Amino acid sequence: VTIYNSSKPGPLGKPKAIKVAGYSGWDPT
């Protein structure tokens, strides 16, 4: 595992973040 810093997210880009509205307590994934 390599941990590094770069302004480029990687060859596959940065996935879109999933957001939740209100409290359900479950991870939607």
ModelCIF file with pLDDT and N, C-alpha, C, O atoms, coordinates in Angstrom:
data_MODEL
#
_entry.id   MODEL 
#
_entity.id                         1 
_entity.type                       polymer 
_entity.pdbx_number_of_molecules   1 
#
_entity_poly.entity_id                      1 
_entity_poly.type                           'polypeptide(L)' 
_entity_poly.nstd_linkage                   no 
_entity_poly.nstd_monomer                   no 
_entity_poly.pdbx_seq_one_letter_code       VTIYNSSKPGPLGKPKAIKVAGYSGWDPT 
_entity_poly.pdbx_seq_one_letter_code_can   VTIYNSSKPGPLGKPKAIKVAGYSGWDPT 
_entity_poly.pdbx_strand_id                 A 
#
loop_
_entity_poly_seq.entity_id 
_entity_poly_seq.num 
_entity_poly_seq.mon_id 
_entity_poly_seq.hetero 
1 1  VAL n 
1 2  THR n 
1 3  ILE n 
1 4  TYR n 
1 5  ASN n 
1 6  SER n 
1 7  SER n 
1 8  LYS n 
1 9  PRO n 
1 10 GLY n 
1 11 PRO n 
1 12 LEU n 
1 13 GLY n 
1 14 LYS n 
1 15 PRO n 
1 16 LYS n 
1 17 ALA n 
1 18 ILE n 
1 19 LYS n 
1 20 VAL n 
1 21 ALA n 
1 22 GLY n 
1 23 TYR n 
1 24 SER n 
1 25 GLY n 
1 26 TRP n 
1 27 ASP n 
1 28 PRO n 
1 29 THR n 
#
_struct_asym.id          A 
_struct_asym.entity_id   1 
#
loop_
_ma_qa_metric.id 
_ma_qa_metric.mode 
_ma_qa_metric.name 
_ma_qa_metric.software_group_id 
_ma_qa_metric.type 
1 global pLDDT . pLDDT 
2 local  pLDDT . pLDDT 
#
_ma_qa_metric_global.metric_id      1 
_ma_qa_metric_global.metric_value   93.97 
_ma_qa_metric_global.model_id       1 
_ma_qa_metric_global.ordinal_id     1 
#
loop_
_ma_qa_metric_local.label_asym_id 
_ma_qa_metric_local.label_comp_id 
_ma_qa_metric_local.label_seq_id 
_ma_qa_metric_local.metric_id 
_ma_qa_metric_local.metric_value 
_ma_qa_metric_local.model_id 
_ma_qa_metric_local.ordinal_id 
A VAL 1  2 98.00 1 1  
A THR 2  2 98.00 1 2  
A ILE 3  2 98.00 1 3  
A TYR 4  2 98.00 1 4  
A ASN 5  2 98.00 1 5  
A SER 6  2 98.00 1 6  
A SER 7  2 97.00 1 7  
A LYS 8  2 97.00 1 8  
A PRO 9  2 96.00 1 9  
A GLY 10 2 96.00 1 10 
A PRO 11 2 97.00 1 11 
A LEU 12 2 98.00 1 12 
A GLY 13 2 97.00 1 13 
A LYS 14 2 97.00 1 14 
A PRO 15 2 96.00 1 15 
A LYS 16 2 93.00 1 16 
A ALA 17 2 94.00 1 17 
A ILE 18 2 95.00 1 18 
A LYS 19 2 95.00 1 19 
A VAL 20 2 95.00 1 20 
A ALA 21 2 91.00 1 21 
A GLY 22 2 75.00 1 22 
A TYR 23 2 72.00 1 23 
A SER 24 2 78.00 1 24 
A GLY 25 2 91.00 1 25 
A TRP 26 2 96.00 1 26 
A ASP 27 2 97.00 1 27 
A PRO 28 2 97.00 1 28 
A THR 29 2 97.00 1 29 
#
loop_
_atom_site.group_PDB 
_atom_site.id 
_atom_site.type_symbol 
_atom_site.label_atom_id 
_atom_site.label_alt_id 
_atom_site.label_comp_id 
_atom_site.label_asym_id 
_atom_site.label_entity_id 
_atom_site.label_seq_id 
_atom_site.pdbx_PDB_ins_code 
_atom_site.Cartn_x 
_atom_site.Cartn_y 
_atom_site.Cartn_z 
_atom_site.occupancy 
_atom_site.B_iso_or_equiv 
_atom_site.pdbx_formal_charge 
_atom_site.auth_seq_id 
_atom_site.auth_comp_id 
_atom_site.auth_asym_id 
_atom_site.auth_atom_id 
_atom_site.pdbx_PDB_model_num 
ATOM 1   N N  . VAL A 1 1  ? 0.863   -1.194 0.000   1.00 98.00 ? 1  VAL A N  1 
ATOM 2   C CA . VAL A 1 1  ? 0.000   0.000  0.000   1.00 98.00 ? 1  VAL A CA 1 
ATOM 3   C C  . VAL A 1 1  ? 0.892   1.233  0.000   1.00 98.00 ? 1  VAL A C  1 
ATOM 4   O O  . VAL A 1 1  ? 1.776   1.373  0.845   1.00 98.00 ? 1  VAL A O  1 
ATOM 5   N N  . THR A 1 2  ? 0.651   2.120  -0.951  1.00 98.00 ? 2  THR A N  1 
ATOM 6   C CA . THR A 1 2  ? 1.400   3.381  -1.031  1.00 98.00 ? 2  THR A CA 1 
ATOM 7   C C  . THR A 1 2  ? 0.464   4.533  -0.699  1.00 98.00 ? 2  THR A C  1 
ATOM 8   O O  . THR A 1 2  ? -0.603  4.671  -1.298  1.00 98.00 ? 2  THR A O  1 
ATOM 9   N N  . ILE A 1 3  ? 0.870   5.354  0.255   1.00 98.00 ? 3  ILE A N  1 
ATOM 10  C CA . ILE A 1 3  ? 0.109   6.558  0.597   1.00 98.00 ? 3  ILE A CA 1 
ATOM 11  C C  . ILE A 1 3  ? 0.918   7.764  0.151   1.00 98.00 ? 3  ILE A C  1 
ATOM 12  O O  . ILE A 1 3  ? 2.075   7.921  0.541   1.00 98.00 ? 3  ILE A O  1 
ATOM 13  N N  . TYR A 1 4  ? 0.308   8.619  -0.669  1.00 98.00 ? 4  TYR A N  1 
ATOM 14  C CA . TYR A 1 4  ? 1.034   9.739  -1.260  1.00 98.00 ? 4  TYR A CA 1 
ATOM 15  C C  . TYR A 1 4  ? 0.110   10.940 -1.412  1.00 98.00 ? 4  TYR A C  1 
ATOM 16  O O  . TYR A 1 4  ? -1.092  10.848 -1.161  1.00 98.00 ? 4  TYR A O  1 
ATOM 17  N N  . ASN A 1 5  ? 0.673   12.051 -1.819  1.00 98.00 ? 5  ASN A N  1 
ATOM 18  C CA . ASN A 1 5  ? -0.095  13.265 -2.085  1.00 98.00 ? 5  ASN A CA 1 
ATOM 19  C C  . ASN A 1 5  ? 0.041   13.654 -3.554  1.00 98.00 ? 5  ASN A C  1 
ATOM 20  O O  . ASN A 1 5  ? 1.145   13.663 -4.099  1.00 98.00 ? 5  ASN A O  1 
ATOM 21  N N  . SER A 1 6  ? -1.085  13.975 -4.195  1.00 98.00 ? 6  SER A N  1 
ATOM 22  C CA . SER A 1 6  ? -1.069  14.443 -5.575  1.00 98.00 ? 6  SER A CA 1 
ATOM 23  C C  . SER A 1 6  ? -2.366  15.181 -5.859  1.00 98.00 ? 6  SER A C  1 
ATOM 24  O O  . SER A 1 6  ? -3.415  14.864 -5.297  1.00 98.00 ? 6  SER A O  1 
ATOM 25  N N  . SER A 1 7  ? -2.279  16.175 -6.743  1.00 97.00 ? 7  SER A N  1 
ATOM 26  C CA . SER A 1 7  ? -3.483  16.910 -7.136  1.00 97.00 ? 7  SER A CA 1 
ATOM 27  C C  . SER A 1 7  ? -4.314  16.121 -8.146  1.00 97.00 ? 7  SER A C  1 
ATOM 28  O O  . SER A 1 7  ? -5.452  16.490 -8.438  1.00 97.00 ? 7  SER A O  1 
ATOM 29  N N  . LYS A 1 8  ? -3.744  15.030 -8.682  1.00 97.00 ? 8  LYS A N  1 
ATOM 30  C CA . LYS A 1 8  ? -4.461  14.173 -9.623  1.00 97.00 ? 8  LYS A CA 1 
ATOM 31  C C  . LYS A 1 8  ? -4.975  12.950 -8.873  1.00 97.00 ? 8  LYS A C  1 
ATOM 32  O O  . LYS A 1 8  ? -4.183  12.225 -8.270  1.00 97.00 ? 8  LYS A O  1 
ATOM 33  N N  . PRO A 1 9  ? -6.287  12.704 -8.896  1.00 96.00 ? 9  PRO A N  1 
ATOM 34  C CA . PRO A 1 9  ? -6.866  11.642 -8.068  1.00 96.00 ? 9  PRO A CA 1 
ATOM 35  C C  . PRO A 1 9  ? -6.393  10.237 -8.391  1.00 96.00 ? 9  PRO A C  1 
ATOM 36  O O  . PRO A 1 9  ? -6.361  9.378  -7.510  1.00 96.00 ? 9  PRO A O  1 
ATOM 37  N N  . GLY A 1 10 ? -6.023  9.987  -9.652  1.00 96.00 ? 10 GLY A N  1 
ATOM 38  C CA . GLY A 1 10 ? -5.625  8.644  -10.070 1.00 96.00 ? 10 GLY A CA 1 
ATOM 39  C C  . GLY A 1 10 ? -6.171  8.349  -11.446 1.00 96.00 ? 10 GLY A C  1 
ATOM 40  O O  . GLY A 1 10 ? -6.982  9.120  -11.959 1.00 96.00 ? 10 GLY A O  1 
ATOM 41  N N  . PRO A 1 11 ? -5.750  7.247  -12.066 1.00 97.00 ? 11 PRO A N  1 
ATOM 42  C CA . PRO A 1 11 ? -6.140  6.962  -13.451 1.00 97.00 ? 11 PRO A CA 1 
ATOM 43  C C  . PRO A 1 11 ? -7.633  6.759  -13.652 1.00 97.00 ? 11 PRO A C  1 
ATOM 44  O O  . PRO A 1 11 ? -8.133  6.933  -14.764 1.00 97.00 ? 11 PRO A O  1 
ATOM 45  N N  . LEU A 1 12 ? -8.358  6.392  -12.591 1.00 98.00 ? 12 LEU A N  1 
ATOM 46  C CA . LEU A 1 12 ? -9.803  6.161  -12.717 1.00 98.00 ? 12 LEU A CA 1 
ATOM 47  C C  . LEU A 1 12 ? -10.623 7.326  -12.168 1.00 98.00 ? 12 LEU A C  1 
ATOM 48  O O  . LEU A 1 12 ? -11.851 7.253  -12.107 1.00 98.00 ? 12 LEU A O  1 
ATOM 49  N N  . GLY A 1 13 ? -9.944  8.395  -11.769 1.00 97.00 ? 13 GLY A N  1 
ATOM 50  C CA . GLY A 1 13 ? -10.645 9.562  -11.264 1.00 97.00 ? 13 GLY A CA 1 
ATOM 51  C C  . GLY A 1 13 ? -11.154 9.363  -9.837  1.00 97.00 ? 13 GLY A C  1 
ATOM 52  O O  . GLY A 1 13 ? -10.834 8.376  -9.174  1.00 97.00 ? 13 GLY A O  1 
ATOM 53  N N  . LYS A 1 14 ? -11.952 10.325 -9.387  1.00 97.00 ? 14 LYS A N  1 
ATOM 54  C CA . LYS A 1 14 ? -12.527 10.287 -8.040  1.00 97.00 ? 14 LYS A CA 1 
ATOM 55  C C  . LYS A 1 14 ? -14.015 9.993  -8.130  1.00 97.00 ? 14 LYS A C  1 
ATOM 56  O O  . LYS A 1 14 ? -14.757 10.784 -8.713  1.00 97.00 ? 14 LYS A O  1 
ATOM 57  N N  . PRO A 1 15 ? -14.473 8.879  -7.570  1.00 96.00 ? 15 PRO A N  1 
ATOM 58  C CA . PRO A 1 15 ? -15.906 8.557  -7.620  1.00 96.00 ? 15 PRO A CA 1 
ATOM 59  C C  . PRO A 1 15 ? -16.746 9.619  -6.928  1.00 96.00 ? 15 PRO A C  1 
ATOM 60  O O  . PRO A 1 15 ? -16.275 10.308 -6.023  1.00 96.00 ? 15 PRO A O  1 
ATOM 61  N N  . LYS A 1 16 ? -17.985 9.744  -7.359  1.00 93.00 ? 16 LYS A N  1 
ATOM 62  C CA . LYS A 1 16 ? -18.897 10.706 -6.757  1.00 93.00 ? 16 LYS A CA 1 
ATOM 63  C C  . LYS A 1 16 ? -19.314 10.214 -5.381  1.00 93.00 ? 16 LYS A C  1 
ATOM 64  O O  . LYS A 1 16 ? -19.647 9.043  -5.203  1.00 93.00 ? 16 LYS A O  1 
ATOM 65  N N  . ALA A 1 17 ? -19.293 11.108 -4.423  1.00 94.00 ? 17 ALA A N  1 
ATOM 66  C CA . ALA A 1 17 ? -19.670 10.743 -3.058  1.00 94.00 ? 17 ALA A CA 1 
ATOM 67  C C  . ALA A 1 17 ? -21.172 10.541 -2.953  1.00 94.00 ? 17 ALA A C  1 
ATOM 68  O O  . ALA A 1 17 ? -21.952 11.306 -3.521  1.00 94.00 ? 17 ALA A O  1 
ATOM 69  N N  . ILE A 1 18 ? -21.573 9.510  -2.224  1.00 95.00 ? 18 ILE A N  1 
ATOM 70  C CA . ILE A 1 18 ? -22.983 9.285  -1.924  1.00 95.00 ? 18 ILE A CA 1 
ATOM 71  C C  . ILE A 1 18 ? -23.326 10.079 -0.672  1.00 95.00 ? 18 ILE A C  1 
ATOM 72  O O  . ILE A 1 18 ? -22.570 10.066 0.300   1.00 95.00 ? 18 ILE A O  1 
ATOM 73  N N  . LYS A 1 19 ? -24.451 10.764 -0.692  1.00 95.00 ? 19 LYS A N  1 
ATOM 74  C CA . LYS A 1 19 ? -24.897 11.525 0.475   1.00 95.00 ? 19 LYS A CA 1 
ATOM 75  C C  . LYS A 1 19 ? -26.203 10.936 0.992   1.00 95.00 ? 19 LYS A C  1 
ATOM 76  O O  . LYS A 1 19 ? -27.004 10.394 0.230   1.00 95.00 ? 19 LYS A O  1 
ATOM 77  N N  . VAL A 1 20 ? -26.400 11.053 2.303   1.00 95.00 ? 20 VAL A N  1 
ATOM 78  C CA . VAL A 1 20 ? -27.661 10.607 2.896   1.00 95.00 ? 20 VAL A CA 1 
ATOM 79  C C  . VAL A 1 20 ? -28.348 11.796 3.543   1.00 95.00 ? 20 VAL A C  1 
ATOM 80  O O  . VAL A 1 20 ? -27.693 12.733 4.000   1.00 95.00 ? 20 VAL A O  1 
ATOM 81  N N  . ALA A 1 21 ? -29.672 11.750 3.578   1.00 91.00 ? 21 ALA A N  1 
ATOM 82  C CA . ALA A 1 21 ? -30.462 12.837 4.170   1.00 91.00 ? 21 ALA A CA 1 
ATOM 83  C C  . ALA A 1 21 ? -31.105 12.333 5.453   1.00 91.00 ? 21 ALA A C  1 
ATOM 84  O O  . ALA A 1 21 ? -31.887 11.382 5.432   1.00 91.00 ? 21 ALA A O  1 
ATOM 85  N N  . GLY A 1 22 ? -30.774 12.970 6.566   1.00 75.00 ? 22 GLY A N  1 
ATOM 86  C CA . GLY A 1 22 ? -31.377 12.566 7.825   1.00 75.00 ? 22 GLY A CA 1 
ATOM 87  C C  . GLY A 1 22 ? -30.762 11.297 8.368   1.00 75.00 ? 22 GLY A C  1 
ATOM 88  O O  . GLY A 1 22 ? -29.942 10.660 7.707   1.00 75.00 ? 22 GLY A O  1 
ATOM 89  N N  . TYR A 1 23 ? -31.154 10.935 9.561   1.00 72.00 ? 23 TYR A N  1 
ATOM 90  C CA . TYR A 1 23 ? -30.528 9.807  10.250  1.00 72.00 ? 23 TYR A CA 1 
ATOM 91  C C  . TYR A 1 23 ? -31.268 8.512  9.985   1.00 72.00 ? 23 TYR A C  1 
ATOM 92  O O  . TYR A 1 23 ? -32.466 8.412  10.251  1.00 72.00 ? 23 TYR A O  1 
ATOM 93  N N  . SER A 1 24 ? -30.563 7.516  9.461   1.00 78.00 ? 24 SER A N  1 
ATOM 94  C CA . SER A 1 24 ? -31.127 6.170  9.326   1.00 78.00 ? 24 SER A CA 1 
ATOM 95  C C  . SER A 1 24 ? -30.250 5.173  10.056  1.00 78.00 ? 24 SER A C  1 
ATOM 96  O O  . SER A 1 24 ? -30.724 4.134  10.518  1.00 78.00 ? 24 SER A O  1 
ATOM 97  N N  . GLY A 1 25 ? -28.947 5.499  10.160  1.00 91.00 ? 25 GLY A N  1 
ATOM 98  C CA . GLY A 1 25 ? -28.041 4.631  10.887  1.00 91.00 ? 25 GLY A CA 1 
ATOM 99  C C  . GLY A 1 25 ? -27.374 3.560  10.058  1.00 91.00 ? 25 GLY A C  1 
ATOM 100 O O  . GLY A 1 25 ? -26.425 2.926  10.520  1.00 91.00 ? 25 GLY A O  1 
ATOM 101 N N  . TRP A 1 26 ? -27.848 3.340  8.839   1.00 96.00 ? 26 TRP A N  1 
ATOM 102 C CA . TRP A 1 26 ? -27.256 2.329  7.965   1.00 96.00 ? 26 TRP A CA 1 
ATOM 103 C C  . TRP A 1 26 ? -26.391 2.982  6.908   1.00 96.00 ? 26 TRP A C  1 
ATOM 104 O O  . TRP A 1 26 ? -26.710 4.060  6.406   1.00 96.00 ? 26 TRP A O  1 
ATOM 105 N N  . ASP A 1 27 ? -25.284 2.317  6.572   1.00 97.00 ? 27 ASP A N  1 
ATOM 106 C CA . ASP A 1 27 ? -24.505 2.721  5.416   1.00 97.00 ? 27 ASP A CA 1 
ATOM 107 C C  . ASP A 1 27 ? -25.288 2.268  4.180   1.00 97.00 ? 27 ASP A C  1 
ATOM 108 O O  . ASP A 1 27 ? -25.581 1.079  4.054   1.00 97.00 ? 27 ASP A O  1 
ATOM 109 N N  . PRO A 1 28 ? -25.633 3.172  3.271   1.00 97.00 ? 28 PRO A N  1 
ATOM 110 C CA . PRO A 1 28 ? -26.470 2.784  2.129   1.00 97.00 ? 28 PRO A CA 1 
ATOM 111 C C  . PRO A 1 28 ? -25.838 1.749  1.204   1.00 97.00 ? 28 PRO A C  1 
ATOM 112 O O  . PRO A 1 28 ? -26.539 1.115  0.415   1.00 97.00 ? 28 PRO A O  1 
ATOM 113 N N  . THR A 1 29 ? -24.502 1.569  1.294   1.00 97.00 ? 29 THR A N  1 
ATOM 114 C CA . THR A 1 29 ? -23.837 0.605  0.411   1.00 97.00 ? 29 THR A CA 1 
ATOM 115 C C  . THR A 1 29 ? -23.704 -0.781 1.041   1.00 97.00 ? 29 THR A C  1 
ATOM 116 O O  . THR A 1 29 ? -23.165 -1.695 0.416   1.00 97.00 ? 29 THR A O  1 
#
